[in-house]
């Protein structure tokens, strides 16, 4: 058994330590003899010092052992922390890789969306241009068709024989026929003269619109030229019931028209004197 094993044994066995102290404290036969030549108290003091040193070493070893155990615990904690840190770092690296891939995909999607937006804006510009063109061409049609639909039920029944189709295309197609444009003018003239139809002003607006479309098919037909202040001519004009007996024209109520090919007056203009 070496010194290290002895120290471990002394550390663990308190009875053995006490026995050593007792042995050291008791003088041997040789020491008894030596006492004759050397003071006894000096030898005992030396032995006591050595025992105290042994006790101190034992306590120091015990403390070091406890400190070593505490240090091992701290080391294990650090190992655990470092292990968790590495796992966290690995997870963060994996998450970063996924996010970078996602970012790359989003950037590609963004470029695709920018391209699609550019195409959509070009299409929108084209559509707006077409819309402006169609509005310019057909806005008047829509506006007057809405006026037509706003006529009273009794008026609509009265002109149902002229406008056999109540749709927008039907309204235009029926209104520009040669026979229908004349019938519509006759109906409006009667309503104005009788002065009992609240739709008369709207009917006149509808006639003017349809007549402008009618002249596309018959360019030789045009409205009769009549000026305010012109002298009333019963051959060229018809006066309203509320007009003066004679005189000059104060207002043009319903335009007539003529054939420019032969200068023939087809319908005279309804005026107020």
Protein backbone atom coordinates (compact mmCIF):
# COMPACT_ATOMS: atom_id res chain seq x y z
CA UNK A 1 0.00 0.00 0.00
CA UNK A 2 1.47 3.35 -1.09
CA UNK A 3 1.04 6.77 0.54
CA UNK A 4 -1.94 7.72 -1.64
CA UNK A 5 -3.87 4.57 -0.64
CA UNK A 6 -3.01 5.24 2.99
CA UNK A 7 -4.37 8.76 2.75
CA UNK A 8 -7.62 7.49 1.21
CA UNK A 9 -7.93 4.90 4.01
CA UNK A 10 -7.28 7.51 6.68
CA UNK A 11 -9.83 9.82 5.06
CA UNK A 12 -12.56 7.18 5.22
CA UNK A 13 -11.82 5.55 8.64
CA UNK A 14 -12.16 7.93 11.58
CA UNK A 15 -11.50 5.14 14.20
CA UNK A 16 -8.19 4.33 12.53
CA UNK A 17 -7.17 7.95 12.67
CA UNK A 18 -7.99 8.11 16.39
CA UNK A 19 -5.96 4.93 17.02
CA UNK A 20 -2.93 6.44 15.33
CA UNK A 21 -3.27 9.52 17.49
CA UNK A 22 -3.34 7.33 20.66
CA UNK A 23 -0.32 5.32 19.57
CA UNK A 24 1.62 8.42 18.81
CA UNK A 25 0.62 9.94 22.11
CA UNK A 26 1.86 6.88 24.16
CA UNK A 27 5.67 6.59 24.63
CA UNK A 28 7.36 3.30 23.58
CA UNK A 29 9.97 1.36 25.68
CA UNK A 30 12.80 2.87 23.73
CA UNK A 31 11.35 6.27 24.23
CA UNK A 32 11.07 5.59 27.94
CA UNK A 33 14.71 4.72 27.99
CA UNK A 34 15.55 7.72 25.86
CA UNK A 35 13.74 9.90 28.27
CA UNK A 36 16.54 9.45 30.50
CA UNK A 37 18.77 11.33 28.09
CA UNK A 38 16.18 13.59 26.35
CA UNK A 39 13.31 15.60 27.70
CA UNK A 40 10.04 13.65 27.22
CA UNK A 41 7.97 16.66 26.54
CA UNK A 42 10.04 17.60 23.44
CA UNK A 43 9.45 14.21 21.77
CA UNK A 44 5.75 14.30 22.45
CA UNK A 45 5.46 17.82 21.02
CA UNK A 46 7.16 16.68 17.83
CA UNK A 47 4.83 13.72 17.46
CA UNK A 48 1.79 15.93 18.08
CA UNK A 49 2.95 18.29 15.36
CA UNK A 50 3.29 15.42 12.92
CA UNK A 51 -0.21 14.16 13.78
CA UNK A 52 -1.63 17.61 13.26
CA UNK A 53 0.06 17.80 9.87
CA UNK A 54 -1.46 14.44 8.93
CA UNK A 55 -4.91 15.66 10.01
CA UNK A 56 -4.41 18.86 8.04
CA UNK A 57 -3.42 16.89 4.95
CA UNK A 58 -6.43 14.63 5.35
CA UNK A 59 -8.78 17.61 5.66
CA UNK A 60 -7.09 19.32 2.72
CA UNK A 61 -7.47 16.18 0.63
CA UNK A 62 -11.12 15.93 1.64
CA UNK A 63 -11.72 19.55 0.68
CA UNK A 64 -9.91 19.07 -2.63
CA UNK A 65 -12.04 16.02 -3.32
CA UNK A 66 -15.22 17.99 -2.68
CA UNK A 67 -13.94 20.86 -4.80
CA UNK A 68 -13.08 18.42 -7.55
CA UNK A 69 -16.61 17.00 -7.43
CA UNK A 70 -18.08 20.51 -7.63
CA UNK A 71 -15.78 21.32 -10.51
CA UNK A 72 -16.88 18.17 -12.32
CA UNK A 73 -20.49 19.23 -11.91
CA UNK A 74 -19.68 22.64 -13.35
CA UNK A 75 -17.85 21.00 -16.25
CA UNK A 76 -20.85 18.77 -16.92
CA UNK A 77 -23.11 21.80 -16.93
CA UNK A 78 -20.83 23.55 -19.41
CA UNK A 79 -20.78 20.42 -21.57
CA UNK A 80 -24.58 20.40 -21.55
CA UNK A 81 -24.70 24.09 -22.38
CA UNK A 82 -22.19 23.71 -25.20
CA UNK A 83 -24.10 20.72 -26.52
CA UNK A 84 -27.37 22.69 -26.49
CA UNK A 85 -25.59 25.65 -28.07
CA UNK A 86 -24.35 23.46 -30.90
CA UNK A 87 -27.79 22.00 -31.44
CA UNK A 88 -29.25 25.52 -31.47
CA UNK A 89 -26.60 26.70 -33.90
CA UNK A 90 -27.30 23.76 -36.19
CA UNK A 91 -31.04 24.47 -36.06
CA UNK A 92 -30.40 28.14 -36.84
CA UNK A 93 -28.18 27.20 -39.78
CA UNK A 94 -30.88 24.91 -41.14
CA UNK A 95 -33.53 27.59 -40.62
CA UNK A 96 -31.36 30.14 -42.39
CA UNK A 97 -30.93 27.79 -45.35
CA UNK A 98 -34.70 27.30 -45.58
CA UNK A 99 -35.32 31.05 -45.31
CA UNK A 100 -32.72 31.82 -47.99
CA UNK A 101 -34.39 29.32 -50.31
CA UNK A 102 -37.77 30.84 -49.54
CA UNK A 103 -36.40 34.33 -50.14
CA UNK A 104 -35.03 33.24 -53.50
CA UNK A 105 -38.43 31.81 -54.43
CA UNK A 106 -40.18 35.02 -53.32
CA UNK A 107 -37.78 37.13 -55.36
CA UNK A 108 -38.56 35.03 -58.42
CA UNK A 109 -42.28 35.35 -57.71
CA UNK A 110 -41.85 39.12 -57.33
CA UNK A 111 -40.19 39.36 -60.73
CA UNK A 112 -43.02 37.32 -62.24
CA UNK A 113 -45.59 39.58 -60.61
CA UNK A 114 -43.80 42.69 -61.86
CA UNK A 115 -43.87 41.29 -65.38
CA UNK A 116 -47.54 40.35 -65.04
CA UNK A 117 -48.31 43.81 -63.64
CA UNK A 118 -46.60 45.45 -66.60
CA UNK A 119 -48.62 43.34 -69.01
CA UNK A 120 -51.82 44.10 -67.10
CA UNK A 121 -51.09 47.83 -67.18
CA UNK A 122 -50.54 47.65 -70.93
CA UNK A 123 -53.81 45.74 -71.34
CA UNK A 124 -55.57 48.26 -69.10
CA UNK A 125 -54.26 51.15 -71.18
CA UNK A 126 -55.45 49.40 -74.31
CA UNK A 127 -58.86 48.71 -72.76
CA UNK A 128 -59.20 52.30 -71.57
CA UNK A 129 -58.39 53.49 -75.07
CA UNK A 130 -61.01 51.15 -76.51
CA UNK A 131 -63.51 52.23 -73.88
CA UNK A 132 -62.93 55.89 -74.67
CA UNK A 133 -63.42 55.12 -78.36
CA UNK A 134 -66.65 53.18 -77.75
CA UNK A 135 -67.93 55.83 -75.38
CA UNK A 136 -67.32 58.47 -78.01
CA UNK A 137 -69.07 56.36 -80.62
CA UNK A 138 -71.97 55.00 -78.59
CA UNK A 139 -72.46 57.24 -75.55
CA UNK A 140 -75.15 59.20 -77.36
CA UNK A 141 -76.92 55.95 -78.23
CA UNK A 142 -76.93 54.87 -74.59
CA UNK A 143 -78.00 58.31 -73.31
CA UNK A 144 -80.97 58.54 -75.67
CA UNK A 145 -81.93 54.92 -75.06
CA UNK A 146 -82.15 55.76 -71.35
CA UNK A 147 -84.41 58.71 -72.24
CA UNK A 148 -86.53 56.35 -74.33
CA UNK A 149 -86.91 53.96 -71.39
CA UNK A 150 -87.88 56.89 -69.18
CA UNK A 151 -90.96 57.74 -71.22
CA UNK A 152 -94.31 57.30 -69.52
CA UNK A 153 -96.13 54.02 -69.98
CA UNK A 154 -98.88 55.68 -72.03
CA UNK A 155 -96.34 57.25 -74.41
CA UNK A 156 -94.50 53.95 -74.82
CA UNK A 157 -97.76 52.21 -75.66
CA UNK A 158 -98.55 54.90 -78.25
CA UNK A 159 -95.24 54.40 -80.09
CA UNK A 160 -95.03 50.63 -79.65
CA UNK A 161 -95.98 50.21 -83.32
CA UNK A 162 -92.89 52.21 -84.31
CA UNK A 163 -90.43 50.70 -81.84
CA UNK A 164 -91.28 47.02 -82.03
CA UNK A 165 -88.09 46.02 -80.19
CA UNK A 166 -87.38 47.72 -76.88
CA UNK A 167 -83.67 46.80 -76.69
CA UNK A 168 -80.92 49.33 -77.45
CA UNK A 169 -80.16 47.85 -80.90
CA UNK A 170 -83.92 47.60 -81.55
CA UNK A 171 -84.45 51.23 -80.52
CA UNK A 172 -81.83 52.39 -83.05
CA UNK A 173 -82.80 49.98 -85.83
CA UNK A 174 -86.51 50.80 -85.63
CA UNK A 175 -86.01 54.52 -85.21
CA UNK A 176 -83.92 55.04 -88.35
CA UNK A 177 -86.21 53.25 -90.80
CA UNK A 178 -87.63 55.59 -93.44
CA UNK A 179 -91.27 54.87 -92.67
CA UNK A 180 -90.76 54.91 -88.90
CA UNK A 181 -88.89 58.22 -88.81
CA UNK A 182 -91.83 59.84 -90.61
CA UNK A 183 -94.40 58.17 -88.32
CA UNK A 184 -92.45 59.28 -85.26
CA UNK A 185 -92.35 62.89 -86.55
CA UNK A 186 -96.12 62.84 -87.15
CA UNK A 187 -96.76 61.51 -83.64
CA UNK A 188 -94.56 64.16 -82.01
CA UNK A 189 -96.16 66.99 -84.05
CA UNK A 190 -99.60 65.89 -82.89
CA UNK A 191 -98.50 65.73 -79.23
CA UNK A 192 -96.96 69.22 -79.39
CA UNK A 193 -99.99 70.77 -81.07
CA UNK A 194 -102.41 69.13 -78.66
CA UNK A 195 -100.10 70.13 -75.78
CA UNK A 196 -101.27 67.35 -73.51
CA UNK A 197 -98.20 65.08 -73.35
CA UNK A 198 -95.52 65.87 -70.68
CA UNK A 199 -93.04 63.76 -72.66
CA UNK A 200 -93.07 66.14 -75.66
CA UNK A 201 -89.64 67.69 -74.98
CA UNK A 202 -88.05 64.24 -74.57
CA UNK A 203 -89.74 63.00 -77.73
CA UNK A 204 -88.29 65.93 -79.70
CA UNK A 205 -84.80 65.12 -78.38
CA UNK A 206 -85.24 61.49 -79.40
CA UNK A 207 -86.37 62.51 -82.87
CA UNK A 208 -83.36 64.79 -83.39
CA UNK A 209 -81.02 61.99 -82.36
CA UNK A 210 -82.65 59.33 -84.52
CA UNK A 211 -82.80 61.71 -87.48
CA UNK A 212 -79.02 62.26 -87.23
CA UNK A 213 -78.58 58.46 -87.45
CA UNK A 214 -81.15 58.28 -90.25
CA UNK A 215 -79.07 60.63 -92.44
CA UNK A 216 -76.12 58.17 -92.30
CA UNK A 217 -78.21 55.83 -94.46
CA UNK A 218 -79.75 58.69 -96.48
CA UNK A 219 -77.08 61.36 -96.85
CA UNK A 220 -79.19 63.31 -99.37
CA UNK A 221 -81.76 63.99 -96.62
CA UNK A 222 -81.10 66.91 -94.30
CA UNK A 223 -82.98 69.08 -91.84
CA UNK A 224 -84.78 72.06 -93.27
CA UNK A 225 -82.82 75.27 -92.79
CA UNK A 226 -84.87 77.64 -90.62
CA UNK A 227 -83.57 80.66 -88.71
CA UNK A 228 -84.96 82.54 -85.73
CA UNK A 229 -86.43 85.88 -86.94
CA UNK A 230 -87.24 84.46 -90.33
CA UNK A 231 -90.64 85.40 -91.75
CA UNK A 232 -93.28 82.72 -91.27
CA UNK A 233 -94.11 80.88 -94.53
CA UNK A 234 -97.14 78.55 -94.31
CA UNK A 235 -95.69 76.48 -97.18
CA UNK A 236 -92.43 75.83 -95.28
CA UNK A 237 -93.58 76.10 -91.70
CA UNK A 238 -96.30 74.95 -89.33
CA UNK A 239 -97.11 77.19 -86.36
CA UNK A 240 -98.04 76.00 -82.89
CA UNK A 241 -101.48 76.81 -81.47
CA UNK A 242 -100.02 79.35 -79.03
CA UNK A 243 -98.36 81.33 -81.82
CA UNK A 244 -99.36 84.76 -83.18
CA UNK A 245 -101.47 84.90 -86.32
CA UNK A 246 -98.49 85.98 -88.40
CA UNK A 247 -95.02 87.42 -87.98
CA UNK A 248 -91.53 86.13 -87.53
CA UNK A 249 -90.34 82.83 -86.09
CA UNK A 250 -89.56 83.03 -82.37
CA UNK A 251 -88.65 79.36 -81.73
CA UNK A 252 -88.04 76.15 -83.68
CA UNK A 253 -90.03 73.39 -82.02
CA UNK A 254 -89.73 70.37 -84.33
CA UNK A 255 -87.47 70.35 -87.37
CA UNK A 256 -88.70 69.34 -90.79
CA UNK A 257 -86.49 67.91 -93.55
CA UNK A 258 -85.94 68.02 -97.26
CA UNK A 259 -84.40 66.06 -100.12
CA UNK A 260 -81.28 67.83 -101.38
CA UNK A 261 -81.26 65.85 -104.61
CA UNK A 262 -84.41 67.57 -105.86
CA UNK A 263 -84.83 70.36 -103.23
CA UNK A 264 -88.17 68.84 -102.27
CA UNK A 265 -89.54 69.67 -98.84
CA UNK A 266 -90.65 66.43 -97.22
CA UNK A 267 -91.84 67.71 -93.82
CA UNK A 268 -92.19 71.38 -92.80
CA UNK A 269 -90.74 72.70 -89.53
CA UNK A 270 -92.99 73.25 -86.55
CA UNK A 271 -92.36 76.75 -85.18
CA UNK A 272 -93.73 79.25 -82.68
CA UNK A 273 -94.39 82.84 -83.79
